[in-house]
């Protein structure tokens, strides 16, 4: 096999290995408990959203309902925080939004997370099939 014919195969193998590594790193990082959660969930989300707004020049309106005097276990806090985090960074990466509204609502027994922005939107069926969108797939199964 000549060098010319070997390169496409080698490049394909490198790309496949790189995709596996990226997927593994994303899964590992998703499973870590964020340091921000040393504080209660509301405060952690508030601090994150304030920093997010500042560093990304996107207005964030944060609304809480039903979370007063509520104990939430660590696993659920971590999942909620990570979902908000993923949604917000999807806004930065894809939506071209100037404003985001984040709602965290406890309607027992459900905790509802709603993130809305004034960006360009997307076709969720198309995006869910994209092999690079681990974040959206995790949100769907979370």
C-alpha atoms as a PDB file:
ATOM      1  CA  UNK A   1       0.000   0.000   0.000  1.00  0.00           C
ATOM      2  CA  UNK A   2       1.441   3.353  -0.983  1.00  0.00           C
ATOM      3  CA  UNK A   3       1.598   6.371   1.313  1.00  0.00           C
ATOM      4  CA  UNK A   4      -1.028   8.183  -0.789  1.00  0.00           C
ATOM      5  CA  UNK A   5      -3.604   5.438  -0.283  1.00  0.00           C
ATOM      6  CA  UNK A   6      -2.727   4.922   3.392  1.00  0.00           C
ATOM      7  CA  UNK A   7      -3.344   8.541   4.487  1.00  0.00           C
ATOM      8  CA  UNK A   8      -7.148   8.552   4.149  1.00  0.00           C
ATOM      9  CA  UNK A   9      -7.363   5.402   6.287  1.00  0.00           C
ATOM     10  CA  UNK A  10      -4.995   6.823   8.897  1.00  0.00           C
ATOM     11  CA  UNK A  11      -6.882  10.132   9.028  1.00  0.00           C
ATOM     12  CA  UNK A  12     -10.173   8.265   9.392  1.00  0.00           C
ATOM     13  CA  UNK A  13      -8.768   6.199  12.273  1.00  0.00           C
ATOM     14  CA  UNK A  14      -7.444   9.326  14.004  1.00  0.00           C
ATOM     15  CA  UNK A  15     -10.823  11.012  13.624  1.00  0.00           C
ATOM     16  CA  UNK A  16     -12.637   7.971  15.070  1.00  0.00           C
ATOM     17  CA  UNK A  17     -10.270   7.786  18.040  1.00  0.00           C
ATOM     18  CA  UNK A  18     -10.577  11.556  18.614  1.00  0.00           C
ATOM     19  CA  UNK A  19     -14.374  11.322  18.640  1.00  0.00           C
ATOM     20  CA  UNK A  20     -14.226   8.525  21.238  1.00  0.00           C
ATOM     21  CA  UNK A  21     -11.846  10.556  23.417  1.00  0.00           C
ATOM     22  CA  UNK A  22     -14.061  13.656  23.209  1.00  0.00           C
ATOM     23  CA  UNK A  23     -17.119  11.594  24.124  1.00  0.00           C
ATOM     24  CA  UNK A  24     -15.309  10.011  27.084  1.00  0.00           C
ATOM     25  CA  UNK A  25     -14.040  13.355  28.401  1.00  0.00           C
ATOM     26  CA  UNK A  26     -17.527  14.864  28.138  1.00  0.00           C
ATOM     27  CA  UNK A  27     -19.075  11.921  29.975  1.00  0.00           C
ATOM     28  CA  UNK A  28     -16.442  12.035  32.721  1.00  0.00           C
ATOM     29  CA  UNK A  29     -16.809  15.793  33.180  1.00  0.00           C
ATOM     30  CA  UNK A  30     -20.585  15.482  33.250  1.00  0.00           C
ATOM     31  CA  UNK A  31     -20.396  12.988  36.113  1.00  0.00           C
ATOM     32  CA  UNK A  32     -18.258  15.217  38.333  1.00  0.00           C
ATOM     33  CA  UNK A  33     -20.004  17.271  41.033  1.00  0.00           C
ATOM     34  CA  UNK A  34     -19.431  20.957  40.284  1.00  0.00           C
ATOM     35  CA  UNK A  35     -17.551  22.914  42.939  1.00  0.00           C
ATOM     36  CA  UNK A  36     -20.241  25.628  42.732  1.00  0.00           C
ATOM     37  CA  UNK A  37     -22.647  23.250  44.486  1.00  0.00           C
ATOM     38  CA  UNK A  38     -20.951  23.720  47.830  1.00  0.00           C
ATOM     39  CA  UNK A  39     -23.702  26.321  48.273  1.00  0.00           C
ATOM     40  CA  UNK A  40     -27.479  25.684  48.100  1.00  0.00           C
ATOM     41  CA  UNK A  41     -28.885  25.122  44.594  1.00  0.00           C
ATOM     42  CA  UNK A  42     -30.591  28.524  44.276  1.00  0.00           C
ATOM     43  CA  UNK A  43     -27.447  30.378  45.254  1.00  0.00           C
ATOM     44  CA  UNK A  44     -25.260  28.208  43.017  1.00  0.00           C
ATOM     45  CA  UNK A  45     -27.496  28.782  39.996  1.00  0.00           C
ATOM     46  CA  UNK A  46     -27.723  32.514  40.765  1.00  0.00           C
ATOM     47  CA  UNK A  47     -23.921  32.860  40.952  1.00  0.00           C
ATOM     48  CA  UNK A  48     -23.443  30.797  37.793  1.00  0.00           C
ATOM     49  CA  UNK A  49     -26.019  32.862  35.863  1.00  0.00           C
ATOM     50  CA  UNK A  50     -24.507  36.152  37.067  1.00  0.00           C
ATOM     51  CA  UNK A  51     -21.046  35.062  35.938  1.00  0.00           C
ATOM     52  CA  UNK A  52     -22.454  33.672  32.702  1.00  0.00           C
ATOM     53  CA  UNK A  53     -24.182  36.981  31.901  1.00  0.00           C
ATOM     54  CA  UNK A  54     -21.025  38.969  32.621  1.00  0.00           C
ATOM     55  CA  UNK A  55     -18.590  36.814  30.675  1.00  0.00           C
ATOM     56  CA  UNK A  56     -20.863  36.179  27.678  1.00  0.00           C
ATOM     57  CA  UNK A  57     -22.539  39.595  27.441  1.00  0.00           C
ATOM     58  CA  UNK A  58     -25.983  37.979  27.504  1.00  0.00           C
ATOM     59  CA  UNK A  59     -28.741  39.264  29.785  1.00  0.00           C
ATOM     60  CA  UNK A  60     -30.037  36.577  32.141  1.00  0.00           C
ATOM     61  CA  UNK A  61     -33.369  36.753  33.938  1.00  0.00           C
ATOM     62  CA  UNK A  62     -33.483  34.134  36.694  1.00  0.00           C
ATOM     63  CA  UNK A  63     -36.771  33.062  38.257  1.00  0.00           C
ATOM     64  CA  UNK A  64     -37.369  30.604  41.097  1.00  0.00           C
ATOM     65  CA  UNK A  65     -40.714  29.260  42.291  1.00  0.00           C
ATOM     66  CA  UNK A  66     -41.506  26.805  45.062  1.00  0.00           C
ATOM     67  CA  UNK A  67     -37.892  26.259  46.120  1.00  0.00           C
ATOM     68  CA  UNK A  68     -38.127  28.164  49.395  1.00  0.00           C
ATOM     69  CA  UNK A  69     -37.187  26.058  52.432  1.00  0.00           C
ATOM     70  CA  UNK A  70     -36.848  22.959  50.257  1.00  0.00           C
ATOM     71  CA  UNK A  71     -34.179  20.313  50.779  1.00  0.00           C
ATOM     72  CA  UNK A  72     -32.921  18.793  47.531  1.00  0.00           C
ATOM     73  CA  UNK A  73     -30.594  15.801  47.606  1.00  0.00           C
ATOM     74  CA  UNK A  74     -27.070  16.120  46.209  1.00  0.00           C
ATOM     75  CA  UNK A  75     -27.687  13.928  43.182  1.00  0.00           C
ATOM     76  CA  UNK A  76     -30.685  15.977  42.048  1.00  0.00           C
ATOM     77  CA  UNK A  77     -28.885  19.274  42.759  1.00  0.00           C
ATOM     78  CA  UNK A  78     -25.974  18.133  40.628  1.00  0.00           C
ATOM     79  CA  UNK A  79     -28.249  17.047  37.776  1.00  0.00           C
ATOM     80  CA  UNK A  80     -30.232  20.309  37.840  1.00  0.00           C
ATOM     81  CA  UNK A  81     -27.117  22.468  37.959  1.00  0.00           C
ATOM     82  CA  UNK A  82     -25.531  20.560  35.078  1.00  0.00           C
ATOM     83  CA  UNK A  83     -28.707  20.827  33.001  1.00  0.00           C
ATOM     84  CA  UNK A  84     -28.855  24.592  33.519  1.00  0.00           C
ATOM     85  CA  UNK A  85     -25.138  24.789  32.720  1.00  0.00           C
ATOM     86  CA  UNK A  86     -25.555  22.770  29.504  1.00  0.00           C
ATOM     87  CA  UNK A  87     -28.561  24.824  28.394  1.00  0.00           C
ATOM     88  CA  UNK A  88     -26.747  28.099  28.979  1.00  0.00           C
ATOM     89  CA  UNK A  89     -23.679  27.044  27.061  1.00  0.00           C
ATOM     90  CA  UNK A  90     -25.875  25.811  24.220  1.00  0.00           C
ATOM     91  CA  UNK A  91     -27.223  29.364  24.091  1.00  0.00           C
ATOM     92  CA  UNK A  92     -23.666  30.700  23.719  1.00  0.00           C
ATOM     93  CA  UNK A  93     -22.605  28.095  21.168  1.00  0.00           C
ATOM     94  CA  UNK A  94     -25.658  28.053  18.967  1.00  0.00           C
ATOM     95  CA  UNK A  95     -28.451  30.560  19.490  1.00  0.00           C
ATOM     96  CA  UNK A  96     -26.891  34.009  19.029  1.00  0.00           C
ATOM     97  CA  UNK A  97     -29.259  35.168  21.766  1.00  0.00           C
ATOM     98  CA  UNK A  98     -29.031  38.458  23.628  1.00  0.00           C
ATOM     99  CA  UNK A  99     -31.290  37.423  26.492  1.00  0.00           C
ATOM    100  CA  UNK A 100     -32.001  34.209  28.409  1.00  0.00           C
ATOM    101  CA  UNK A 101     -34.727  33.474  30.937  1.00  0.00           C
ATOM    102  CA  UNK A 102     -34.064  30.612  33.360  1.00  0.00           C
ATOM    103  CA  UNK A 103     -36.941  29.216  35.441  1.00  0.00           C
ATOM    104  CA  UNK A 104     -36.465  26.686  38.240  1.00  0.00           C
ATOM    105  CA  UNK A 105     -39.859  25.643  39.592  1.00  0.00           C
ATOM    106  CA  UNK A 106     -40.762  23.047  42.158  1.00  0.00           C
ATOM    107  CA  UNK A 107     -44.252  21.685  41.516  1.00  0.00           C
ATOM    108  CA  UNK A 108     -44.167  18.673  43.806  1.00  0.00           C
ATOM    109  CA  UNK A 109     -43.110  16.051  42.954  1.00  0.00           C
ATOM    110  CA  UNK A 110     -41.493  17.622  39.877  1.00  0.00           C
ATOM    111  CA  UNK A 111     -38.642  20.086  39.591  1.00  0.00           C
ATOM    112  CA  UNK A 112     -39.044  21.914  36.306  1.00  0.00           C
ATOM    113  CA  UNK A 113     -36.181  23.583  34.477  1.00  0.00           C
ATOM    114  CA  UNK A 114     -37.120  25.934  31.689  1.00  0.00           C
ATOM    115  CA  UNK A 115     -34.534  27.887  29.711  1.00  0.00           C
ATOM    116  CA  UNK A 116     -35.740  30.249  27.006  1.00  0.00           C
ATOM    117  CA  UNK A 117     -33.757  32.618  24.830  1.00  0.00           C
ATOM    118  CA  UNK A 118     -34.401  35.084  22.022  1.00  0.00           C
ATOM    119  CA  UNK A 119     -31.971  33.344  19.681  1.00  0.00           C
ATOM    120  CA  UNK A 120     -32.291  31.739  16.278  1.00  0.00           C
ATOM    121  CA  UNK A 121     -33.705  28.384  17.396  1.00  0.00           C
ATOM    122  CA  UNK A 122     -33.033  24.971  15.909  1.00  0.00           C
ATOM    123  CA  UNK A 123     -34.747  21.873  14.626  1.00  0.00           C
ATOM    124  CA  UNK A 124     -34.555  19.478  17.630  1.00  0.00           C
ATOM    125  CA  UNK A 125     -35.047  16.362  15.475  1.00  0.00           C
ATOM    126  CA  UNK A 126     -32.015  17.265  13.380  1.00  0.00           C
ATOM    127  CA  UNK A 127     -29.856  18.253  16.349  1.00  0.00           C
ATOM    128  CA  UNK A 128     -30.695  15.104  18.348  1.00  0.00           C
ATOM    129  CA  UNK A 129     -29.366  12.951  15.517  1.00  0.00           C
ATOM    130  CA  UNK A 130     -26.036  14.821  15.420  1.00  0.00           C
ATOM    131  CA  UNK A 131     -23.339  12.560  16.854  1.00  0.00           C
ATOM    132  CA  UNK A 132     -21.532  15.528  18.419  1.00  0.00           C
ATOM    133  CA  UNK A 133     -24.455  16.689  20.561  1.00  0.00           C
ATOM    134  CA  UNK A 134     -23.908  14.677  23.716  1.00  0.00           C
ATOM    135  CA  UNK A 135     -25.263  17.591  25.757  1.00  0.00           C
ATOM    136  CA  UNK A 136     -28.685  17.566  24.128  1.00  0.00           C
ATOM    137  CA  UNK A 137     -28.924  13.782  24.393  1.00  0.00           C
ATOM    138  CA  UNK A 138     -28.018  13.924  28.082  1.00  0.00           C
ATOM    139  CA  UNK A 139     -30.662  16.610  28.646  1.00  0.00           C
ATOM    140  CA  UNK A 140     -33.244  14.452  26.883  1.00  0.00           C
ATOM    141  CA  UNK A 141     -32.478  11.414  29.039  1.00  0.00           C
ATOM    142  CA  UNK A 142     -31.785  13.411  32.238  1.00  0.00           C
END
